[in-house]
Amino acid sequence: MTSAWAHTGPVTDSPARAVAAPTDNKLIQKIARGDRLAMRSLFARYRLPVYRWLVRLVRDASLAEDLLNETFLEVWRQAERFEARSSVATWLLAIARHRAISALRRRRPETEEEATAAACADPADDPEIALDKKRRAEHVRHALDMLSRGHREVIDLVYYHDRSVKEVARILAIPEATVKTRMFYARNKLATLIDRAAA
């Protein structure tokens, strides 16, 4: 995954720097002043969760990479308008979702690829445990794919991105009560689909 914001050197900072790592809001303030190093730091911090969110939305790894770059380009352009009404992470996911929906409207769905975020086996697992974990992960992925987009987005944001109900409501631009309702029905549907697949 390459980007204009990718750093050519090591991704991780030294321990001394890590202690004084700036907050997301500080990075946005610096980005608003044209600080490219702050932009690289924000990109390094959020590229994977935003990329995974995009892959699950558009189901196309190549398109997700393009949208990832578009998302961070928009952050670069709009940083001075960020009003901190939500967290930076929530703002990023909302921008990414908007980009994904626009891209999906522009093109006809093609053959869907398997999600790239496959479950990784623990090296300590014996082959039987690793196979069992892989099967369970496949059941969950398959069940998620069978949910409606609205239900899938809520489950994804709450369980894979640790967003609160309030943050999910902001990202999806829907009332909090709707988020709770979708989450209730999505969890029930997901449990039924997983049980059915495992039977």
C-alpha atoms as a PDB file:
ATOM      1  CA  MET A   1       0.000   0.000   0.000  1.00  0.00           C
ATOM      2  CA  THR A   2       1.755   3.181  -1.155  1.00  0.00           C
ATOM      3  CA  SER A   3       0.824   6.782  -0.636  1.00  0.00           C
ATOM      4  CA  ALA A   4       2.106  10.300  -1.064  1.00  0.00           C
ATOM      5  CA  TRP A   5       2.121  10.426   2.725  1.00  0.00           C
ATOM      6  CA  ALA A   6       4.155   7.252   3.250  1.00  0.00           C
ATOM      7  CA  HIS A   7       7.497   7.764   4.975  1.00  0.00           C
ATOM      8  CA  THR A   8      10.553   6.264   3.321  1.00  0.00           C
ATOM      9  CA  GLY A   9      12.223   5.581   6.677  1.00  0.00           C
ATOM     10  CA  PRO A  10      11.134   3.357   9.569  1.00  0.00           C
ATOM     11  CA  VAL A  11       7.448   3.590  10.494  1.00  0.00           C
ATOM     12  CA  THR A  12       7.972   3.458  14.255  1.00  0.00           C
ATOM     13  CA  ASP A  13       9.490   6.322  16.229  1.00  0.00           C
ATOM     14  CA  SER A  14      12.202   5.817  18.782  1.00  0.00           C
ATOM     15  CA  PRO A  15      11.004   5.176  22.385  1.00  0.00           C
ATOM     16  CA  ALA A  16      12.044   8.694  23.429  1.00  0.00           C
ATOM     17  CA  ARG A  17       9.849  10.241  20.731  1.00  0.00           C
ATOM     18  CA  ALA A  18       6.952   7.872  21.333  1.00  0.00           C
ATOM     19  CA  VAL A  19       6.507   9.234  24.872  1.00  0.00           C
ATOM     20  CA  ALA A  20       6.004  12.734  23.528  1.00  0.00           C
ATOM     21  CA  ALA A  21       3.834  11.722  20.553  1.00  0.00           C
ATOM     22  CA  PRO A  22       1.404  14.543  19.752  1.00  0.00           C
ATOM     23  CA  THR A  23      -2.331  14.023  20.138  1.00  0.00           C
ATOM     24  CA  ASP A  24      -4.506  13.663  17.057  1.00  0.00           C
ATOM     25  CA  ASN A  25      -5.872  17.178  17.557  1.00  0.00           C
ATOM     26  CA  LYS A  26      -2.334  18.626  17.738  1.00  0.00           C
ATOM     27  CA  LEU A  27      -1.435  16.836  14.514  1.00  0.00           C
ATOM     28  CA  ILE A  28      -4.500  18.299  12.786  1.00  0.00           C
ATOM     29  CA  GLN A  29      -3.536  21.792  13.985  1.00  0.00           C
ATOM     30  CA  LYS A  30      -0.044  21.317  12.560  1.00  0.00           C
ATOM     31  CA  ILE A  31      -1.431  19.915   9.306  1.00  0.00           C
ATOM     32  CA  ALA A  32      -3.645  22.998   9.013  1.00  0.00           C
ATOM     33  CA  ARG A  33      -0.420  25.050   9.084  1.00  0.00           C
ATOM     34  CA  GLY A  34       1.066  22.938   6.258  1.00  0.00           C
ATOM     35  CA  ASP A  35       3.235  20.621   8.370  1.00  0.00           C
ATOM     36  CA  ARG A  36       3.982  17.600   6.154  1.00  0.00           C
ATOM     37  CA  LEU A  37       5.688  15.661   8.970  1.00  0.00           C
ATOM     38  CA  ALA A  38       2.473  15.899  11.016  1.00  0.00           C
ATOM     39  CA  MET A  39       0.570  14.623   7.963  1.00  0.00           C
ATOM     40  CA  ARG A  40       2.910  11.634   7.705  1.00  0.00           C
ATOM     41  CA  SER A  41       2.437  10.929  11.411  1.00  0.00           C
ATOM     42  CA  LEU A  42      -1.351  10.985  11.106  1.00  0.00           C
ATOM     43  CA  PHE A  43      -1.184   8.760   8.030  1.00  0.00           C
ATOM     44  CA  ALA A  44       1.057   6.246   9.829  1.00  0.00           C
ATOM     45  CA  ARG A  45      -1.317   6.247  12.792  1.00  0.00           C
ATOM     46  CA  TYR A  46      -4.554   5.686  10.859  1.00  0.00           C
ATOM     47  CA  ARG A  47      -3.724   4.192   7.462  1.00  0.00           C
ATOM     48  CA  LEU A  48      -4.480   0.574   8.456  1.00  0.00           C
ATOM     49  CA  PRO A  49      -7.835   1.057  10.220  1.00  0.00           C
ATOM     50  CA  VAL A  50      -9.048   3.447   7.503  1.00  0.00           C
ATOM     51  CA  TYR A  51      -7.825   1.110   4.740  1.00  0.00           C
ATOM     52  CA  ARG A  52      -9.568  -1.900   6.347  1.00  0.00           C
ATOM     53  CA  TRP A  53     -12.788   0.114   6.689  1.00  0.00           C
ATOM     54  CA  LEU A  54     -12.579   1.061   3.007  1.00  0.00           C
ATOM     55  CA  VAL A  55     -11.867  -2.520   1.886  1.00  0.00           C
ATOM     56  CA  ARG A  56     -14.950  -3.727   3.736  1.00  0.00           C
ATOM     57  CA  LEU A  57     -17.057  -0.956   2.196  1.00  0.00           C
ATOM     58  CA  VAL A  58     -15.948  -1.269  -1.439  1.00  0.00           C
ATOM     59  CA  ARG A  59     -14.687  -4.892  -1.417  1.00  0.00           C
ATOM     60  CA  ASP A  60     -11.837  -4.025  -3.754  1.00  0.00           C
ATOM     61  CA  ALA A  61      -8.282  -3.703  -2.401  1.00  0.00           C
ATOM     62  CA  SER A  62      -7.025  -1.555  -5.288  1.00  0.00           C
ATOM     63  CA  LEU A  63      -9.947   0.873  -5.096  1.00  0.00           C
ATOM     64  CA  ALA A  64      -9.562   1.016  -1.291  1.00  0.00           C
ATOM     65  CA  GLU A  65      -5.928   2.140  -1.727  1.00  0.00           C
ATOM     66  CA  ASP A  66      -6.998   4.929  -4.074  1.00  0.00           C
ATOM     67  CA  LEU A  67      -9.739   6.008  -1.672  1.00  0.00           C
ATOM     68  CA  LEU A  68      -7.295   5.918   1.240  1.00  0.00           C
ATOM     69  CA  ASN A  69      -5.105   8.432  -0.583  1.00  0.00           C
ATOM     70  CA  GLU A  70      -8.126  10.565  -1.461  1.00  0.00           C
ATOM     71  CA  THR A  71      -9.223  10.521   2.187  1.00  0.00           C
ATOM     72  CA  PHE A  72      -5.882  11.784   3.460  1.00  0.00           C
ATOM     73  CA  LEU A  73      -5.643  14.320   0.648  1.00  0.00           C
ATOM     74  CA  GLU A  74      -8.987  15.696   1.833  1.00  0.00           C
ATOM     75  CA  VAL A  75      -7.660  15.788   5.407  1.00  0.00           C
ATOM     76  CA  TRP A  76      -4.668  17.802   4.142  1.00  0.00           C
ATOM     77  CA  ARG A  77      -7.001  20.263   2.389  1.00  0.00           C
ATOM     78  CA  GLN A  78      -9.667  20.494   5.099  1.00  0.00           C
ATOM     79  CA  ALA A  79      -7.576  20.340   8.302  1.00  0.00           C
ATOM     80  CA  GLU A  80      -8.105  24.025   9.094  1.00  0.00           C
ATOM     81  CA  ARG A  81     -11.886  23.453   9.039  1.00  0.00           C
ATOM     82  CA  PHE A  82     -11.783  20.625  11.598  1.00  0.00           C
ATOM     83  CA  GLU A  83     -13.802  21.862  14.602  1.00  0.00           C
ATOM     84  CA  ALA A  84     -13.152  18.928  16.994  1.00  0.00           C
ATOM     85  CA  ARG A  85     -16.875  18.231  17.417  1.00  0.00           C
ATOM     86  CA  SER A  86     -15.924  14.572  17.068  1.00  0.00           C
ATOM     87  CA  SER A  87     -12.628  12.706  17.438  1.00  0.00           C
ATOM     88  CA  VAL A  88     -10.124  12.807  14.595  1.00  0.00           C
ATOM     89  CA  ALA A  89     -10.637   9.055  14.075  1.00  0.00           C
ATOM     90  CA  THR A  90     -14.394   9.558  13.689  1.00  0.00           C
ATOM     91  CA  TRP A  91     -13.816  12.422  11.246  1.00  0.00           C
ATOM     92  CA  LEU A  92     -11.425  10.278   9.168  1.00  0.00           C
ATOM     93  CA  LEU A  93     -13.861   7.354   8.982  1.00  0.00           C
ATOM     94  CA  ALA A  94     -16.674   9.717   7.937  1.00  0.00           C
ATOM     95  CA  ILE A  95     -14.518  11.185   5.135  1.00  0.00           C
ATOM     96  CA  ALA A  96     -13.503   7.689   4.013  1.00  0.00           C
ATOM     97  CA  ARG A  97     -17.128   6.508   3.986  1.00  0.00           C
ATOM     98  CA  HIS A  98     -18.213   9.523   1.914  1.00  0.00           C
ATOM     99  CA  ARG A  99     -15.424   8.807  -0.578  1.00  0.00           C
ATOM    100  CA  ALA A 100     -16.369   5.115  -0.750  1.00  0.00           C
ATOM    101  CA  ILE A 101     -20.056   5.806  -1.357  1.00  0.00           C
ATOM    102  CA  SER A 102     -19.194   8.328  -4.092  1.00  0.00           C
ATOM    103  CA  ALA A 103     -16.893   5.783  -5.767  1.00  0.00           C
ATOM    104  CA  LEU A 104     -19.515   3.034  -5.598  1.00  0.00           C
ATOM    105  CA  ARG A 105     -22.100   5.324  -7.192  1.00  0.00           C
ATOM    106  CA  ARG A 106     -19.710   6.119 -10.045  1.00  0.00           C
ATOM    107  CA  ARG A 107     -19.151   2.525 -11.061  1.00  0.00           C
ATOM    108  CA  ARG A 108     -21.137  -0.653 -11.414  1.00  0.00           C
ATOM    109  CA  PRO A 109     -20.262  -3.359  -8.899  1.00  0.00           C
ATOM    110  CA  GLU A 110     -17.787  -5.783 -10.437  1.00  0.00           C
ATOM    111  CA  THR A 111     -16.864  -9.260  -9.300  1.00  0.00           C
ATOM    112  CA  GLU A 112     -16.416  -9.069  -5.538  1.00  0.00           C
ATOM    113  CA  GLU A 113     -13.031 -10.036  -4.165  1.00  0.00           C
ATOM    114  CA  GLU A 114     -12.480 -11.789  -0.872  1.00  0.00           C
ATOM    115  CA  ALA A 115     -11.822  -9.415   2.022  1.00  0.00           C
ATOM    116  CA  THR A 116      -8.086  -8.877   2.424  1.00  0.00           C
ATOM    117  CA  ALA A 117      -8.286  -8.703   6.179  1.00  0.00           C
ATOM    118  CA  ALA A 118      -8.087 -12.457   6.633  1.00  0.00           C
ATOM    119  CA  ALA A 119      -7.618 -13.880  10.088  1.00  0.00           C
ATOM    120  CA  CYS A 120      -3.963 -14.482  10.887  1.00  0.00           C
ATOM    121  CA  ALA A 121      -3.121 -17.680  12.726  1.00  0.00           C
ATOM    122  CA  ASP A 122      -1.164 -17.433  15.968  1.00  0.00           C
ATOM    123  CA  PRO A 123       2.253 -19.058  15.404  1.00  0.00           C
ATOM    124  CA  ALA A 124       1.812 -20.820  18.755  1.00  0.00           C
ATOM    125  CA  ASP A 125      -1.362 -22.560  17.554  1.00  0.00           C
ATOM    126  CA  ASP A 126      -1.175 -26.148  16.412  1.00  0.00           C
ATOM    127  CA  PRO A 127      -2.622 -26.806  12.911  1.00  0.00           C
ATOM    128  CA  GLU A 128      -6.000 -27.963  14.280  1.00  0.00           C
ATOM    129  CA  ILE A 129      -6.521 -24.809  16.381  1.00  0.00           C
ATOM    130  CA  ALA A 130      -5.323 -22.602  13.510  1.00  0.00           C
ATOM    131  CA  LEU A 131      -7.780 -24.307  11.131  1.00  0.00           C
ATOM    132  CA  ASP A 132     -10.624 -23.893  13.635  1.00  0.00           C
ATOM    133  CA  LYS A 133      -9.845 -20.176  14.036  1.00  0.00           C
ATOM    134  CA  LYS A 134      -9.747 -19.755  10.260  1.00  0.00           C
ATOM    135  CA  ARG A 135     -13.121 -21.510   9.885  1.00  0.00           C
ATOM    136  CA  ARG A 136     -14.727 -19.319  12.552  1.00  0.00           C
ATOM    137  CA  ALA A 137     -13.296 -16.161  10.962  1.00  0.00           C
ATOM    138  CA  GLU A 138     -14.671 -17.274   7.585  1.00  0.00           C
ATOM    139  CA  HIS A 139     -18.115 -17.871   9.117  1.00  0.00           C
ATOM    140  CA  VAL A 140     -18.089 -14.354  10.598  1.00  0.00           C
ATOM    141  CA  ARG A 141     -16.907 -12.752   7.335  1.00  0.00           C
ATOM    142  CA  HIS A 142     -19.496 -14.647   5.329  1.00  0.00           C
ATOM    143  CA  ALA A 143     -22.240 -13.664   7.801  1.00  0.00           C
ATOM    144  CA  LEU A 144     -21.153 -10.002   7.683  1.00  0.00           C
ATOM    145  CA  ASP A 145     -21.356 -10.068   3.886  1.00  0.00           C
ATOM    146  CA  MET A 146     -24.951 -11.277   4.132  1.00  0.00           C
ATOM    147  CA  LEU A 147     -26.057  -8.319   6.273  1.00  0.00           C
ATOM    148  CA  SER A 148     -27.529  -5.223   4.649  1.00  0.00           C
ATOM    149  CA  ARG A 149     -25.026  -2.404   4.130  1.00  0.00           C
ATOM    150  CA  GLY A 150     -26.600  -0.347   6.940  1.00  0.00           C
ATOM    151  CA  HIS A 151     -26.302  -3.203   9.443  1.00  0.00           C
ATOM    152  CA  ARG A 152     -22.810  -4.149   8.260  1.00  0.00           C
ATOM    153  CA  GLU A 153     -21.515  -0.587   8.670  1.00  0.00           C
ATOM    154  CA  VAL A 154     -22.798  -0.358  12.257  1.00  0.00           C
ATOM    155  CA  ILE A 155     -21.277  -3.712  13.266  1.00  0.00           C
ATOM    156  CA  ASP A 156     -18.002  -2.835  11.561  1.00  0.00           C
ATOM    157  CA  LEU A 157     -17.678   0.559  13.266  1.00  0.00           C
ATOM    158  CA  VAL A 158     -18.665  -0.661  16.738  1.00  0.00           C
ATOM    159  CA  TYR A 159     -16.751  -3.942  16.869  1.00  0.00           C
ATOM    160  CA  TYR A 160     -13.825  -3.451  14.501  1.00  0.00           C
ATOM    161  CA  HIS A 161     -13.193   0.274  15.004  1.00  0.00           C
ATOM    162  CA  ASP A 162     -14.350   0.651  18.635  1.00  0.00           C
ATOM    163  CA  ARG A 163     -16.571   3.607  17.829  1.00  0.00           C
ATOM    164  CA  SER A 164     -19.259   4.646  20.297  1.00  0.00           C
ATOM    165  CA  VAL A 165     -22.947   4.922  19.347  1.00  0.00           C
ATOM    166  CA  LYS A 166     -22.558   8.707  19.225  1.00  0.00           C
ATOM    167  CA  GLU A 167     -19.530   8.462  16.908  1.00  0.00           C
ATOM    168  CA  VAL A 168     -21.259   5.939  14.636  1.00  0.00           C
ATOM    169  CA  ALA A 169     -24.236   8.315  14.382  1.00  0.00           C
ATOM    170  CA  ARG A 170     -21.866  11.108  13.268  1.00  0.00           C
ATOM    171  CA  ILE A 171     -20.038   8.937  10.727  1.00  0.00           C
ATOM    172  CA  LEU A 172     -23.232   7.568   9.169  1.00  0.00           C
ATOM    173  CA  ALA A 173     -25.191  10.844   9.586  1.00  0.00           C
ATOM    174  CA  ILE A 174     -28.127   9.091  11.293  1.00  0.00           C
ATOM    175  CA  PRO A 175     -29.782   9.499  14.734  1.00  0.00           C
ATOM    176  CA  GLU A 176     -28.277   7.620  17.697  1.00  0.00           C
ATOM    177  CA  ALA A 177     -31.570   5.757  18.175  1.00  0.00           C
ATOM    178  CA  THR A 178     -31.271   4.418  14.627  1.00  0.00           C
ATOM    179  CA  VAL A 179     -27.727   3.221  15.360  1.00  0.00           C
ATOM    180  CA  LYS A 180     -28.976   1.330  18.425  1.00  0.00           C
ATOM    181  CA  THR A 181     -31.855  -0.229  16.491  1.00  0.00           C
ATOM    182  CA  ARG A 182     -29.597  -1.305  13.629  1.00  0.00           C
ATOM    183  CA  MET A 183     -27.069  -2.711  16.090  1.00  0.00           C
ATOM    184  CA  PHE A 184     -29.767  -4.749  17.865  1.00  0.00           C
ATOM    185  CA  TYR A 185     -31.108  -6.272  14.638  1.00  0.00           C
ATOM    186  CA  ALA A 186     -27.639  -6.717  13.121  1.00  0.00           C
ATOM    187  CA  ARG A 187     -26.338  -8.618  16.168  1.00  0.00           C
ATOM    188  CA  ASN A 188     -29.351 -10.934  16.162  1.00  0.00           C
ATOM    189  CA  LYS A 189     -29.090 -11.565  12.423  1.00  0.00           C
ATOM    190  CA  LEU A 190     -25.330 -12.106  12.662  1.00  0.00           C
ATOM    191  CA  ALA A 191     -25.694 -14.638  15.484  1.00  0.00           C
ATOM    192  CA  THR A 192     -28.334 -16.562  13.496  1.00  0.00           C
ATOM    193  CA  LEU A 193     -26.188 -16.608  10.338  1.00  0.00           C
ATOM    194  CA  ILE A 194     -23.069 -17.738  12.208  1.00  0.00           C
ATOM    195  CA  ASP A 195     -24.951 -20.505  14.023  1.00  0.00           C
ATOM    196  CA  ARG A 196     -26.439 -21.664  10.736  1.00  0.00           C
ATOM    197  CA  ALA A 197     -23.033 -21.679   9.005  1.00  0.00           C
ATOM    198  CA  ALA A 198     -21.373 -23.562  11.884  1.00  0.00           C
ATOM    199  CA  ALA A 199     -24.123 -26.235  12.063  1.00  0.00           C
END
